[in-house]
Amino acid sequence: ERDAAAPAGRELSPQPGIADLGELVDHVRETGLAVQLWIEGE
């Protein structure tokens, strides 16, 4: 059951996916690791 003290209308965030890959790579780059990303095909 949902916690009764939770604010009304609050929804859980969606699962991450390929659309969030850019944000993931940016976080990793901020650590100093050089990361290159390629997306090929349609």
PDB file of all heavy atoms in Angstrom:
ATOM      1  N   GLU A   1       0.857  -1.175   0.000  1.00  0.00           N
ATOM      2  CA  GLU A   1       0.000   0.000   0.000  1.00  0.00           C
ATOM      3  C   GLU A   1       0.896   1.228   0.000  1.00  0.00           C
ATOM      4  O   GLU A   1       2.006   1.216   0.522  1.00  0.00           O
ATOM      5  CB  GLU A   1      -0.903   0.033   1.234  1.00  0.00           C
ATOM      6  CG  GLU A   1      -1.873  -1.133   1.315  1.00  0.00           C
ATOM      7  CD  GLU A   1      -2.725  -1.044   2.562  1.00  0.00           C
ATOM      8  OE1 GLU A   1      -2.483  -0.088   3.339  1.00  0.00           O
ATOM      9  OE2 GLU A   1      -3.595  -1.882   2.742  1.00  0.00           O
ATOM     10  N   ARG A   2       0.366   2.279  -0.594  1.00  0.00           N
ATOM     11  CA  ARG A   2       1.113   3.543  -0.595  1.00  0.00           C
ATOM     12  C   ARG A   2       1.124   4.120   0.811  1.00  0.00           C
ATOM     13  O   ARG A   2       0.151   4.033   1.552  1.00  0.00           O
ATOM     14  CB  ARG A   2       0.455   4.526  -1.556  1.00  0.00           C
ATOM     15  CG  ARG A   2       1.149   5.893  -1.578  1.00  0.00           C
ATOM     16  CD  ARG A   2       0.578   6.781  -2.642  1.00  0.00           C
ATOM     17  NE  ARG A   2       0.903   6.265  -3.958  1.00  0.00           N
ATOM     18  CZ  ARG A   2       0.686   6.938  -5.074  1.00  0.00           C
ATOM     19  NH1 ARG A   2       0.150   8.133  -5.037  1.00  0.00           N
ATOM     20  NH2 ARG A   2       0.985   6.401  -6.235  1.00  0.00           N
ATOM     21  N   ASP A   3       2.251   4.715   1.171  1.00  0.00           N
ATOM     22  CA  ASP A   3       2.381   5.313   2.502  1.00  0.00           C
ATOM     23  C   ASP A   3       1.305   6.386   2.680  1.00  0.00           C
ATOM     24  O   ASP A   3       1.143   7.280   1.855  1.00  0.00           O
ATOM     25  CB  ASP A   3       3.777   5.937   2.615  1.00  0.00           C
ATOM     26  CG  ASP A   3       4.059   6.406   4.024  1.00  0.00           C
ATOM     27  OD1 ASP A   3       3.126   6.378   4.847  1.00  0.00           O
ATOM     28  OD2 ASP A   3       5.204   6.794   4.283  1.00  0.00           O
ATOM     29  N   ALA A   4       0.553   6.273   3.774  1.00  0.00           N
ATOM     30  CA  ALA A   4      -0.549   7.211   3.985  1.00  0.00           C
ATOM     31  C   ALA A   4      -0.050   8.642   4.155  1.00  0.00           C
ATOM     32  O   ALA A   4      -0.789   9.605   3.895  1.00  0.00           O
ATOM     33  CB  ALA A   4      -1.351   6.802   5.221  1.00  0.00           C
ATOM     34  N   ALA A   5       1.207   8.798   4.561  1.00  0.00           N
ATOM     35  CA  ALA A   5       1.731  10.140   4.763  1.00  0.00           C
ATOM     36  C   ALA A   5       2.271  10.760   3.491  1.00  0.00           C
ATOM     37  O   ALA A   5       2.687  11.913   3.488  1.00  0.00           O
ATOM     38  CB  ALA A   5       2.832  10.126   5.827  1.00  0.00           C
ATOM     39  N   ALA A   6       2.275   9.986   2.380  1.00  0.00           N
ATOM     40  CA  ALA A   6       2.830  10.515   1.132  1.00  0.00           C
ATOM     41  C   ALA A   6       1.907  11.601   0.598  1.00  0.00           C
ATOM     42  O   ALA A   6       0.688  11.509   0.699  1.00  0.00           O
ATOM     43  CB  ALA A   6       2.978   9.396   0.112  1.00  0.00           C
ATOM     44  N   PRO A   7       2.455  12.634  -0.016  1.00  0.00           N
ATOM     45  CA  PRO A   7       1.622  13.697  -0.554  1.00  0.00           C
ATOM     46  C   PRO A   7       0.709  13.162  -1.640  1.00  0.00           C
ATOM     47  O   PRO A   7       1.087  12.313  -2.439  1.00  0.00           O
ATOM     48  CB  PRO A   7       2.651  14.697  -1.117  1.00  0.00           C
ATOM     49  CG  PRO A   7       3.939  14.359  -0.434  1.00  0.00           C
ATOM     50  CD  PRO A   7       3.884  12.912  -0.155  1.00  0.00           C
ATOM     51  N   ALA A   8      -0.512  13.678  -1.667  1.00  0.00           N
ATOM     52  CA  ALA A   8      -1.478  13.235  -2.672  1.00  0.00           C
ATOM     53  C   ALA A   8      -0.988  13.623  -4.055  1.00  0.00           C
ATOM     54  O   ALA A   8      -0.494  14.722  -4.287  1.00  0.00           O
ATOM     55  CB  ALA A   8      -2.843  13.862  -2.396  1.00  0.00           C
ATOM     56  N   GLY A   9      -1.154  12.711  -4.998  1.00  0.00           N
ATOM     57  CA  GLY A   9      -0.796  12.997  -6.380  1.00  0.00           C
ATOM     58  C   GLY A   9       0.652  12.744  -6.711  1.00  0.00           C
ATOM     59  O   GLY A   9       1.067  12.905  -7.856  1.00  0.00           O
ATOM     60  N   ARG A  10       1.478  12.357  -5.747  1.00  0.00           N
ATOM     61  CA  ARG A  10       2.897  12.115  -6.029  1.00  0.00           C
ATOM     62  C   ARG A  10       3.024  10.823  -6.813  1.00  0.00           C
ATOM     63  O   ARG A  10       2.482   9.795  -6.449  1.00  0.00           O
ATOM     64  CB  ARG A  10       3.684  12.019  -4.730  1.00  0.00           C
ATOM     65  CG  ARG A  10       5.193  11.940  -4.982  1.00  0.00           C
ATOM     66  CD  ARG A  10       5.938  11.688  -3.686  1.00  0.00           C
ATOM     67  NE  ARG A  10       5.701  10.335  -3.215  1.00  0.00           N
ATOM     68  CZ  ARG A  10       6.199   9.874  -2.081  1.00  0.00           C
ATOM     69  NH1 ARG A  10       6.912  10.653  -1.303  1.00  0.00           N
ATOM     70  NH2 ARG A  10       5.956   8.635  -1.705  1.00  0.00           N
ATOM     71  N   GLU A  11       3.757  10.826  -7.905  1.00  0.00           N
ATOM     72  CA  GLU A  11       3.953   9.659  -8.740  1.00  0.00           C
ATOM     73  C   GLU A  11       5.416   9.251  -8.714  1.00  0.00           C
ATOM     74  O   GLU A  11       6.305  10.086  -8.580  1.00  0.00           O
ATOM     75  CB  GLU A  11       3.521   9.954 -10.195  1.00  0.00           C
ATOM     76  CG  GLU A  11       2.054  10.330 -10.331  1.00  0.00           C
ATOM     77  CD  GLU A  11       1.138   9.173  -9.998  1.00  0.00           C
ATOM     78  OE1 GLU A  11       1.604   8.013 -10.084  1.00  0.00           O
ATOM     79  OE2 GLU A  11      -0.028   9.425  -9.640  1.00  0.00           O
ATOM     80  N   LEU A  12       5.650   7.975  -8.863  1.00  0.00           N
ATOM     81  CA  LEU A  12       7.014   7.476  -8.946  1.00  0.00           C
ATOM     82  C   LEU A  12       7.603   7.838 -10.297  1.00  0.00           C
ATOM     83  O   LEU A  12       6.915   7.850 -11.307  1.00  0.00           O
ATOM     84  CB  LEU A  12       7.025   5.956  -8.751  1.00  0.00           C
ATOM     85  CG  LEU A  12       6.525   5.457  -7.395  1.00  0.00           C
ATOM     86  CD1 LEU A  12       6.500   3.944  -7.392  1.00  0.00           C
ATOM     87  CD2 LEU A  12       7.399   5.976  -6.275  1.00  0.00           C
ATOM     88  N   SER A  13       8.896   8.124 -10.327  1.00  0.00           N
ATOM     89  CA  SER A  13       9.545   8.469 -11.587  1.00  0.00           C
ATOM     90  C   SER A  13       9.625   7.247 -12.479  1.00  0.00           C
ATOM     91  O   SER A  13       9.688   6.119 -11.999  1.00  0.00           O
ATOM     92  CB  SER A  13      10.956   9.009 -11.302  1.00  0.00           C
ATOM     93  OG  SER A  13      11.728   8.025 -10.659  1.00  0.00           O
ATOM     94  N   PRO A  14       9.622   7.445 -13.823  1.00  0.00           N
ATOM     95  CA  PRO A  14       9.669   6.302 -14.740  1.00  0.00           C
ATOM     96  C   PRO A  14      11.027   5.624 -14.702  1.00  0.00           C
ATOM     97  O   PRO A  14      12.029   6.187 -14.259  1.00  0.00           O
ATOM     98  CB  PRO A  14       9.395   6.947 -16.104  1.00  0.00           C
ATOM     99  CG  PRO A  14       9.843   8.368 -15.954  1.00  0.00           C
ATOM    100  CD  PRO A  14       9.554   8.733 -14.523  1.00  0.00           C
ATOM    101  N   GLN A  15      11.075   4.389 -15.218  1.00  0.00           N
ATOM    102  CA  GLN A  15      12.329   3.654 -15.323  1.00  0.00           C
ATOM    103  C   GLN A  15      13.235   4.350 -16.331  1.00  0.00           C
ATOM    104  O   GLN A  15      12.773   4.857 -17.354  1.00  0.00           O
ATOM    105  CB  GLN A  15      12.057   2.220 -15.784  1.00  0.00           C
ATOM    106  CG  GLN A  15      11.286   1.377 -14.785  1.00  0.00           C
ATOM    107  CD  GLN A  15      12.217   0.726 -13.785  1.00  0.00           C
ATOM    108  OE1 GLN A  15      13.340   1.160 -13.607  1.00  0.00           O
ATOM    109  NE2 GLN A  15      11.738  -0.308 -13.134  1.00  0.00           N
ATOM    110  N   PRO A  16      14.544   4.374 -16.072  1.00  0.00           N
ATOM    111  CA  PRO A  16      15.453   4.974 -17.050  1.00  0.00           C
ATOM    112  C   PRO A  16      15.554   4.110 -18.298  1.00  0.00           C
ATOM    113  O   PRO A  16      15.229   2.922 -18.286  1.00  0.00           O
ATOM    114  CB  PRO A  16      16.787   5.024 -16.297  1.00  0.00           C
ATOM    115  CG  PRO A  16      16.691   3.929 -15.289  1.00  0.00           C
ATOM    116  CD  PRO A  16      15.242   3.856 -14.891  1.00  0.00           C
ATOM    117  N   GLY A  17      16.006   4.727 -19.391  1.00  0.00           N
ATOM    118  CA  GLY A  17      16.160   4.000 -20.646  1.00  0.00           C
ATOM    119  C   GLY A  17      17.213   4.650 -21.518  1.00  0.00           C
ATOM    120  O   GLY A  17      18.001   5.508 -21.075  1.00  0.00           O
ATOM    121  N   ILE A  18      17.228   4.250 -22.784  1.00  0.00           N
ATOM    122  CA  ILE A  18      18.225   4.772 -23.717  1.00  0.00           C
ATOM    123  C   ILE A  18      18.127   6.287 -23.840  1.00  0.00           C
ATOM    124  O   ILE A  18      19.130   6.974 -24.056  1.00  0.00           O
ATOM    125  CB  ILE A  18      18.048   4.095 -25.090  1.00  0.00           C
ATOM    126  CG1 ILE A  18      18.335   2.589 -24.979  1.00  0.00           C
ATOM    127  CG2 ILE A  18      18.971   4.719 -26.128  1.00  0.00           C
ATOM    128  CD1 ILE A  18      19.727   2.258 -24.512  1.00  0.00           C
ATOM    129  N   ALA A  19      16.927   6.845 -23.675  1.00  0.00           N
ATOM    130  CA  ALA A  19      16.767   8.294 -23.756  1.00  0.00           C
ATOM    131  C   ALA A  19      17.556   9.020 -22.672  1.00  0.00           C
ATOM    132  O   ALA A  19      17.881  10.206 -22.828  1.00  0.00           O
ATOM    133  CB  ALA A  19      15.282   8.655 -23.660  1.00  0.00           C
ATOM    134  N   ASP A  20      17.867   8.329 -21.570  1.00  0.00           N
ATOM    135  CA  ASP A  20      18.644   8.943 -20.480  1.00  0.00           C
ATOM    136  C   ASP A  20      20.134   8.659 -20.600  1.00  0.00           C
ATOM    137  O   ASP A  20      20.892   8.949 -19.666  1.00  0.00           O
ATOM    138  CB  ASP A  20      18.135   8.399 -19.138  1.00  0.00           C
ATOM    139  CG  ASP A  20      16.657   8.642 -18.938  1.00  0.00           C
ATOM    140  OD1 ASP A  20      16.262   9.815 -18.884  1.00  0.00           O
ATOM    141  OD2 ASP A  20      15.898   7.652 -18.861  1.00  0.00           O
ATOM    142  N   LEU A  21      20.548   8.104 -21.725  1.00  0.00           N
ATOM    143  CA  LEU A  21      21.946   7.724 -21.868  1.00  0.00           C
ATOM    144  C   LEU A  21      22.870   8.942 -21.873  1.00  0.00           C
ATOM    145  O   LEU A  21      23.979   8.903 -21.322  1.00  0.00           O
ATOM    146  CB  LEU A  21      22.126   6.923 -23.164  1.00  0.00           C
ATOM    147  CG  LEU A  21      23.382   6.088 -23.293  1.00  0.00           C
ATOM    148  CD1 LEU A  21      23.527   5.135 -22.117  1.00  0.00           C
ATOM    149  CD2 LEU A  21      23.371   5.303 -24.610  1.00  0.00           C
ATOM    150  N   GLY A  22      22.412  10.047 -22.475  1.00  0.00           N
ATOM    151  CA  GLY A  22      23.243  11.253 -22.501  1.00  0.00           C
ATOM    152  C   GLY A  22      23.537  11.773 -21.108  1.00  0.00           C
ATOM    153  O   GLY A  22      24.674  12.145 -20.782  1.00  0.00           O
ATOM    154  N   GLU A  23      22.520  11.773 -20.257  1.00  0.00           N
ATOM    155  CA  GLU A  23      22.716  12.230 -18.875  1.00  0.00           C
ATOM    156  C   GLU A  23      23.663  11.297 -18.127  1.00  0.00           C
ATOM    157  O   GLU A  23      24.513  11.757 -17.349  1.00  0.00           O
ATOM    158  CB  GLU A  23      21.366  12.282 -18.181  1.00  0.00           C
ATOM    159  CG  GLU A  23      21.427  12.804 -16.746  1.00  0.00           C
ATOM    160  CD  GLU A  23      20.063  12.866 -16.113  1.00  0.00           C
ATOM    161  OE1 GLU A  23      19.059  12.595 -16.811  1.00  0.00           O
ATOM    162  OE2 GLU A  23      19.991  13.181 -14.902  1.00  0.00           O
ATOM    163  N   LEU A  24      23.544   9.994 -18.368  1.00  0.00           N
ATOM    164  CA  LEU A  24      24.449   9.038 -17.727  1.00  0.00           C
ATOM    165  C   LEU A  24      25.895   9.288 -18.149  1.00  0.00           C
ATOM    166  O   LEU A  24      26.807   9.327 -17.303  1.00  0.00           O
ATOM    167  CB  LEU A  24      24.031   7.611 -18.098  1.00  0.00           C
ATOM    168  CG  LEU A  24      24.983   6.497 -17.654  1.00  0.00           C
ATOM    169  CD1 LEU A  24      25.025   6.396 -16.130  1.00  0.00           C
ATOM    170  CD2 LEU A  24      24.573   5.156 -18.265  1.00  0.00           C
ATOM    171  N   VAL A  25      26.122   9.488 -19.431  1.00  0.00           N
ATOM    172  CA  VAL A  25      27.482   9.727 -19.919  1.00  0.00           C
ATOM    173  C   VAL A  25      28.036  11.029 -19.359  1.00  0.00           C
ATOM    174  O   VAL A  25      29.223  11.116 -18.983  1.00  0.00           O
ATOM    175  CB  VAL A  25      27.491   9.729 -21.461  1.00  0.00           C
ATOM    176  CG1 VAL A  25      28.845  10.200 -22.004  1.00  0.00           C
ATOM    177  CG2 VAL A  25      27.184   8.330 -21.994  1.00  0.00           C
ATOM    178  N   ASP A  26      27.181  12.059 -19.262  1.00  0.00           N
ATOM    179  CA  ASP A  26      27.639  13.328 -18.688  1.00  0.00           C
ATOM    180  C   ASP A  26      28.088  13.155 -17.245  1.00  0.00           C
ATOM    181  O   ASP A  26      29.114  13.715 -16.817  1.00  0.00           O
ATOM    182  CB  ASP A  26      26.522  14.371 -18.765  1.00  0.00           C
ATOM    183  CG  ASP A  26      26.248  14.822 -20.197  1.00  0.00           C
ATOM    184  OD1 ASP A  26      27.159  14.636 -21.045  1.00  0.00           O
ATOM    185  OD2 ASP A  26      25.154  15.335 -20.465  1.00  0.00           O
ATOM    186  N   HIS A  27      27.331  12.380 -16.458  1.00  0.00           N
ATOM    187  CA  HIS A  27      27.733  12.146 -15.069  1.00  0.00           C
ATOM    188  C   HIS A  27      29.080  11.446 -15.001  1.00  0.00           C
ATOM    189  O   HIS A  27      29.923  11.767 -14.151  1.00  0.00           O
ATOM    190  CB  HIS A  27      26.672  11.306 -14.366  1.00  0.00           C
ATOM    191  CG  HIS A  27      25.481  12.091 -13.928  1.00  0.00           C
ATOM    192  ND1 HIS A  27      24.298  11.508 -13.558  1.00  0.00           N
ATOM    193  CD2 HIS A  27      25.281  13.433 -13.799  1.00  0.00           C
ATOM    194  CE1 HIS A  27      23.433  12.441 -13.216  1.00  0.00           C
ATOM    195  NE2 HIS A  27      24.001  13.619 -13.366  1.00  0.00           N
ATOM    196  N   VAL A  28      29.278  10.468 -15.891  1.00  0.00           N
ATOM    197  CA  VAL A  28      30.544   9.739 -15.867  1.00  0.00           C
ATOM    198  C   VAL A  28      31.686  10.651 -16.290  1.00  0.00           C
ATOM    199  O   VAL A  28      32.789  10.597 -15.734  1.00  0.00           O
ATOM    200  CB  VAL A  28      30.449   8.499 -16.774  1.00  0.00           C
ATOM    201  CG1 VAL A  28      31.805   7.811 -16.876  1.00  0.00           C
ATOM    202  CG2 VAL A  28      29.411   7.527 -16.244  1.00  0.00           C
ATOM    203  N   ARG A  29      31.457  11.516 -17.289  1.00  0.00           N
ATOM    204  CA  ARG A  29      32.513  12.445 -17.733  1.00  0.00           C
ATOM    205  C   ARG A  29      32.929  13.394 -16.621  1.00  0.00           C
ATOM    206  O   ARG A  29      34.089  13.797 -16.536  1.00  0.00           O
ATOM    207  CB  ARG A  29      32.003  13.232 -18.939  1.00  0.00           C
ATOM    208  CG  ARG A  29      31.979  12.424 -20.240  1.00  0.00           C
ATOM    209  CD  ARG A  29      31.304  13.199 -21.339  1.00  0.00           C
ATOM    210  NE  ARG A  29      31.293  12.461 -22.597  1.00  0.00           N
ATOM    211  CZ  ARG A  29      30.507  12.749 -23.626  1.00  0.00           C
ATOM    212  NH1 ARG A  29      29.641  13.765 -23.519  1.00  0.00           N
ATOM    213  NH2 ARG A  29      30.555  12.031 -24.727  1.00  0.00           N
ATOM    214  N   GLU A  30      31.961  13.750 -15.766  1.00  0.00           N
ATOM    215  CA  GLU A  30      32.291  14.673 -14.672  1.00  0.00           C
ATOM    216  C   GLU A  30      33.275  14.054 -13.686  1.00  0.00           C
ATOM    217  O   GLU A  30      33.911  14.771 -12.910  1.00  0.00           O
ATOM    218  CB  GLU A  30      31.009  15.084 -13.949  1.00  0.00           C
ATOM    219  CG  GLU A  30      30.113  15.998 -14.783  1.00  0.00           C
ATOM    220  CD  GLU A  30      28.787  16.284 -14.100  1.00  0.00           C
ATOM    221  OE1 GLU A  30      28.577  15.724 -13.009  1.00  0.00           O
ATOM    222  OE2 GLU A  30      27.975  17.051 -14.645  1.00  0.00           O
ATOM    223  N   THR A  31      33.403  12.743 -13.679  1.00  0.00           N
ATOM    224  CA  THR A  31      34.378  12.102 -12.800  1.00  0.00           C
ATOM    225  C   THR A  31      35.791  12.169 -13.362  1.00  0.00           C
ATOM    226  O   THR A  31      36.745  11.788 -12.688  1.00  0.00           O
ATOM    227  CB  THR A  31      34.012  10.622 -12.598  1.00  0.00           C
ATOM    228  OG1 THR A  31      34.145   9.921 -13.831  1.00  0.00           O
ATOM    229  CG2 THR A  31      32.600  10.486 -12.072  1.00  0.00           C
ATOM    230  N   GLY A  32      35.927  12.604 -14.623  1.00  0.00           N
ATOM    231  CA  GLY A  32      37.231  12.660 -15.259  1.00  0.00           C
ATOM    232  C   GLY A  32      37.468  11.576 -16.285  1.00  0.00           C
ATOM    233  O   GLY A  32      38.494  11.591 -16.984  1.00  0.00           O
ATOM    234  N   LEU A  33      36.561  10.616 -16.409  1.00  0.00           N
ATOM    235  CA  LEU A  33      36.724   9.555 -17.397  1.00  0.00           C
ATOM    236  C   LEU A  33      36.240  10.063 -18.756  1.00  0.00           C
ATOM    237  O   LEU A  33      35.108  10.540 -18.889  1.00  0.00           O
ATOM    238  CB  LEU A  33      35.900   8.316 -16.991  1.00  0.00           C
ATOM    239  CG  LEU A  33      35.905   7.152 -17.971  1.00  0.00           C
ATOM    240  CD1 LEU A  33      37.301   6.544 -18.086  1.00  0.00           C
ATOM    241  CD2 LEU A  33      34.891   6.093 -17.561  1.00  0.00           C
ATOM    242  N   ALA A  34      37.098   9.944 -19.756  1.00  0.00           N
ATOM    243  CA  ALA A  34      36.736  10.361 -21.108  1.00  0.00           C
ATOM    244  C   ALA A  34      35.862   9.284 -21.747  1.00  0.00           C
ATOM    245  O   ALA A  34      36.291   8.150 -21.913  1.00  0.00           O
ATOM    246  CB  ALA A  34      37.995  10.586 -21.949  1.00  0.00           C
ATOM    247  N   VAL A  35      34.644   9.662 -22.093  1.00  0.00           N
ATOM    248  CA  VAL A  35      33.683   8.722 -22.665  1.00  0.00           C
ATOM    249  C   VAL A  35      33.170   9.287 -23.980  1.00  0.00           C
ATOM    250  O   VAL A  35      32.786  10.458 -24.059  1.00  0.00           O
ATOM    251  CB  VAL A  35      32.495   8.484 -21.713  1.00  0.00           C
ATOM    252  CG1 VAL A  35      31.541   7.451 -22.310  1.00  0.00           C
ATOM    253  CG2 VAL A  35      32.968   8.034 -20.353  1.00  0.00           C
ATOM    254  N   GLN A  36      33.206   8.467 -25.015  1.00  0.00           N
ATOM    255  CA  GLN A  36      32.644   8.837 -26.308  1.00  0.00           C
ATOM    256  C   GLN A  36      31.424   7.963 -26.580  1.00  0.00           C
ATOM    257  O   GLN A  36      31.426   6.762 -26.291  1.00  0.00           O
ATOM    258  CB  GLN A  36      33.673   8.654 -27.430  1.00  0.00           C
ATOM    259  CG  GLN A  36      34.816   9.665 -27.356  1.00  0.00           C
ATOM    260  CD  GLN A  36      35.781   9.472 -28.509  1.00  0.00           C
ATOM    261  OE1 GLN A  36      36.546   8.511 -28.520  1.00  0.00           O
ATOM    262  NE2 GLN A  36      35.736  10.382 -29.461  1.00  0.00           N
ATOM    263  N   LEU A  37      30.387   8.578 -27.159  1.00  0.00           N
ATOM    264  CA  LEU A  37      29.123   7.882 -27.407  1.00  0.00           C
ATOM    265  C   LEU A  37      28.780   7.987 -28.883  1.00  0.00           C
ATOM    266  O   LEU A  37      28.778   9.079 -29.462  1.00  0.00           O
ATOM    267  CB  LEU A  37      28.003   8.511 -26.556  1.00  0.00           C
ATOM    268  CG  LEU A  37      26.583   8.017 -26.821  1.00  0.00           C
ATOM    269  CD1 LEU A  37      26.454   6.534 -26.477  1.00  0.00           C
ATOM    270  CD2 LEU A  37      25.573   8.857 -26.042  1.00  0.00           C
ATOM    271  N   TRP A  38      28.492   6.814 -29.492  1.00  0.00           N
ATOM    272  CA  TRP A  38      28.032   6.762 -30.881  1.00  0.00           C
ATOM    273  C   TRP A  38      26.693   6.019 -30.935  1.00  0.00           C
ATOM    274  O   TRP A  38      26.512   4.984 -30.273  1.00  0.00           O
ATOM    275  CB  TRP A  38      29.020   6.004 -31.779  1.00  0.00           C
ATOM    276  CG  TRP A  38      30.314   6.716 -32.030  1.00  0.00           C
ATOM    277  CD1 TRP A  38      30.553   7.727 -32.897  1.00  0.00           C
ATOM    278  CD2 TRP A  38      31.555   6.447 -31.386  1.00  0.00           C
ATOM    279  NE1 TRP A  38      31.875   8.121 -32.848  1.00  0.00           N
ATOM    280  CE2 TRP A  38      32.518   7.338 -31.927  1.00  0.00           C
ATOM    281  CE3 TRP A  38      31.962   5.541 -30.405  1.00  0.00           C
ATOM    282  CZ2 TRP A  38      33.840   7.339 -31.514  1.00  0.00           C
ATOM    283  CZ3 TRP A  38      33.272   5.548 -30.005  1.00  0.00           C
ATOM    284  CH2 TRP A  38      34.204   6.435 -30.552  1.00  0.00           C
ATOM    285  N   ILE A  39      25.804   6.553 -31.732  1.00  0.00           N
ATOM    286  CA  ILE A  39      24.530   5.869 -32.001  1.00  0.00           C
ATOM    287  C   ILE A  39      24.403   5.727 -33.508  1.00  0.00           C
ATOM    288  O   ILE A  39      24.360   6.724 -34.241  1.00  0.00           O
ATOM    289  CB  ILE A  39      23.333   6.642 -31.426  1.00  0.00           C
ATOM    290  CG1 ILE A  39      23.470   6.777 -29.903  1.00  0.00           C
ATOM    291  CG2 ILE A  39      22.018   5.945 -31.775  1.00  0.00           C
ATOM    292  CD1 ILE A  39      22.342   7.556 -29.252  1.00  0.00           C
ATOM    293  N   GLU A  40      24.372   4.506 -33.987  1.00  0.00           N
ATOM    294  CA  GLU A  40      24.347   4.214 -35.416  1.00  0.00           C
ATOM    295  C   GLU A  40      23.000   3.600 -35.792  1.00  0.00           C
ATOM    296  O   GLU A  40      22.387   2.886 -34.995  1.00  0.00           O
ATOM    297  CB  GLU A  40      25.464   3.241 -35.783  1.00  0.00           C
ATOM    298  CG  GLU A  40      26.847   3.747 -35.400  1.00  0.00           C
ATOM    299  CD  GLU A  40      27.921   2.693 -35.654  1.00  0.00           C
ATOM    300  OE1 GLU A  40      27.561   1.594 -36.128  1.00  0.00           O
ATOM    301  OE2 GLU A  40      29.099   2.974 -35.354  1.00  0.00           O
ATOM    302  N   GLY A  41      22.578   3.865 -37.000  1.00  0.00           N
ATOM    303  CA  GLY A  41      21.317   3.323 -37.482  1.00  0.00           C
ATOM    304  C   GLY A  41      20.139   4.185 -37.069  1.00  0.00           C
ATOM    305  O   GLY A  41      20.267   5.155 -36.316  1.00  0.00           O
ATOM    306  N   GLU A  42      18.984   3.823 -37.570  1.00  0.00           N
ATOM    307  CA  GLU A  42      17.766   4.575 -37.276  1.00  0.00           C
ATOM    308  C   GLU A  42      17.206   4.128 -35.932  1.00  0.00           C
ATOM    309  O   GLU A  42      16.893   2.949 -35.731  1.00  0.00           O
ATOM    310  CB  GLU A  42      16.737   4.334 -38.377  1.00  0.00           C
ATOM    311  CG  GLU A  42      15.458   5.136 -38.194  1.00  0.00           C
ATOM    312  CD  GLU A  42      14.471   4.896 -39.323  1.00  0.00           C
ATOM    313  OE1 GLU A  42      14.822   4.176 -40.281  1.00  0.00           O
ATOM    314  OE2 GLU A  42      13.339   5.415 -39.229  1.00  0.00           O
TER     315      GLU A  42
END
